[in-house]
Amino acid sequence: MAKKTPRSDAPAALKFTKVNAMLGLGGLVALTLGYWLLAQGSITAAPLLLVLGYVVLLPMAIIR
């Protein structure tokens, strides 16, 4: 029979690294610039930056 290893029910600790910080900061910069461009009337760059911030950079900062 195979040995059973004890299983811990404690959640794994989250590790916040420099990569997470840089991705989060990049996401905030992209959102800030996107909303600023949106207020200026940009209809091309603003939505692209907002999608980049909300869909790519901020989730990557959380997941990675």
C-alpha atoms as a PDB file:
ATOM      1  CA  MET A   1       0.000   0.000   0.000  1.00  0.00           C
ATOM      2  CA  ALA A   2       1.111   3.532  -0.674  1.00  0.00           C
ATOM      3  CA  LYS A   3       1.795   5.833   2.235  1.00  0.00           C
ATOM      4  CA  LYS A   4      -0.691   8.586   2.796  1.00  0.00           C
ATOM      5  CA  THR A   5       0.851  11.981   3.283  1.00  0.00           C
ATOM      6  CA  PRO A   6      -0.817  14.348   5.724  1.00  0.00           C
ATOM      7  CA  ARG A   7      -2.759  17.029   3.959  1.00  0.00           C
ATOM      8  CA  SER A   8      -2.819  20.556   5.263  1.00  0.00           C
ATOM      9  CA  ASP A   9      -6.099  22.430   4.975  1.00  0.00           C
ATOM     10  CA  ALA A  10      -4.396  25.798   5.478  1.00  0.00           C
ATOM     11  CA  PRO A  11      -4.465  28.047   2.395  1.00  0.00           C
ATOM     12  CA  ALA A  12      -1.179  28.770   0.677  1.00  0.00           C
ATOM     13  CA  ALA A  13       0.349  32.136   1.469  1.00  0.00           C
ATOM     14  CA  LEU A  14       0.120  34.744  -1.260  1.00  0.00           C
ATOM     15  CA  LYS A  15       3.471  35.932  -2.507  1.00  0.00           C
ATOM     16  CA  PHE A  16       3.608  39.542  -3.613  1.00  0.00           C
ATOM     17  CA  THR A  17       6.737  40.107  -5.683  1.00  0.00           C
ATOM     18  CA  LYS A  18       8.246  42.962  -7.657  1.00  0.00           C
ATOM     19  CA  VAL A  19       6.657  41.525 -10.800  1.00  0.00           C
ATOM     20  CA  ASN A  20       3.193  41.834  -9.227  1.00  0.00           C
ATOM     21  CA  ALA A  21       3.926  45.395  -8.161  1.00  0.00           C
ATOM     22  CA  MET A  22       5.162  46.409 -11.605  1.00  0.00           C
ATOM     23  CA  LEU A  23       2.155  44.849 -13.358  1.00  0.00           C
ATOM     24  CA  GLY A  24      -0.222  46.536 -10.921  1.00  0.00           C
ATOM     25  CA  LEU A  25       1.498  49.867 -11.321  1.00  0.00           C
ATOM     26  CA  GLY A  26       1.453  49.496 -15.110  1.00  0.00           C
ATOM     27  CA  GLY A  27      -2.260  48.727 -14.941  1.00  0.00           C
ATOM     28  CA  LEU A  28      -2.943  51.832 -12.869  1.00  0.00           C
ATOM     29  CA  VAL A  29      -0.904  53.989 -15.240  1.00  0.00           C
ATOM     30  CA  ALA A  30      -2.744  52.552 -18.252  1.00  0.00           C
ATOM     31  CA  LEU A  31      -6.116  53.224 -16.607  1.00  0.00           C
ATOM     32  CA  THR A  32      -5.190  56.748 -15.586  1.00  0.00           C
ATOM     33  CA  LEU A  33      -3.881  57.593 -19.042  1.00  0.00           C
ATOM     34  CA  GLY A  34      -6.885  55.900 -20.664  1.00  0.00           C
ATOM     35  CA  TYR A  35      -9.413  57.913 -18.672  1.00  0.00           C
ATOM     36  CA  TRP A  36      -7.459  61.109 -19.263  1.00  0.00           C
ATOM     37  CA  LEU A  37      -7.432  60.468 -23.014  1.00  0.00           C
ATOM     38  CA  LEU A  38     -11.135  59.634 -22.872  1.00  0.00           C
ATOM     39  CA  ALA A  39     -11.806  63.020 -21.288  1.00  0.00           C
ATOM     40  CA  GLN A  40      -9.780  64.654 -24.083  1.00  0.00           C
ATOM     41  CA  GLY A  41     -11.972  63.035 -26.723  1.00  0.00           C
ATOM     42  CA  SER A  42      -9.733  60.230 -27.945  1.00  0.00           C
ATOM     43  CA  ILE A  43     -11.833  57.427 -29.390  1.00  0.00           C
ATOM     44  CA  THR A  44      -9.025  55.057 -30.351  1.00  0.00           C
ATOM     45  CA  ALA A  45      -6.192  55.125 -27.811  1.00  0.00           C
ATOM     46  CA  ALA A  46      -8.362  55.550 -24.707  1.00  0.00           C
ATOM     47  CA  PRO A  47     -10.412  52.348 -25.106  1.00  0.00           C
ATOM     48  CA  LEU A  48      -7.288  50.381 -25.985  1.00  0.00           C
ATOM     49  CA  LEU A  49      -5.517  51.547 -22.833  1.00  0.00           C
ATOM     50  CA  LEU A  50      -8.568  50.866 -20.683  1.00  0.00           C
ATOM     51  CA  VAL A  51      -8.919  47.328 -22.029  1.00  0.00           C
ATOM     52  CA  LEU A  52      -5.182  46.779 -21.568  1.00  0.00           C
ATOM     53  CA  GLY A  53      -5.405  47.930 -17.962  1.00  0.00           C
ATOM     54  CA  TYR A  54      -8.617  46.126 -16.956  1.00  0.00           C
ATOM     55  CA  VAL A  55      -8.321  42.916 -18.969  1.00  0.00           C
ATOM     56  CA  VAL A  56      -4.576  42.295 -19.151  1.00  0.00           C
ATOM     57  CA  LEU A  57      -2.406  44.111 -16.616  1.00  0.00           C
ATOM     58  CA  LEU A  58      -4.501  44.136 -13.434  1.00  0.00           C
ATOM     59  CA  PRO A  59      -5.538  40.461 -13.679  1.00  0.00           C
ATOM     60  CA  MET A  60      -1.914  39.520 -14.415  1.00  0.00           C
ATOM     61  CA  ALA A  61      -0.855  41.423 -11.281  1.00  0.00           C
ATOM     62  CA  ILE A  62      -3.278  39.353  -9.217  1.00  0.00           C
ATOM     63  CA  ILE A  63      -2.666  35.958 -10.834  1.00  0.00           C
ATOM     64  CA  ARG A  64       1.060  36.028 -11.268  1.00  0.00           C
END
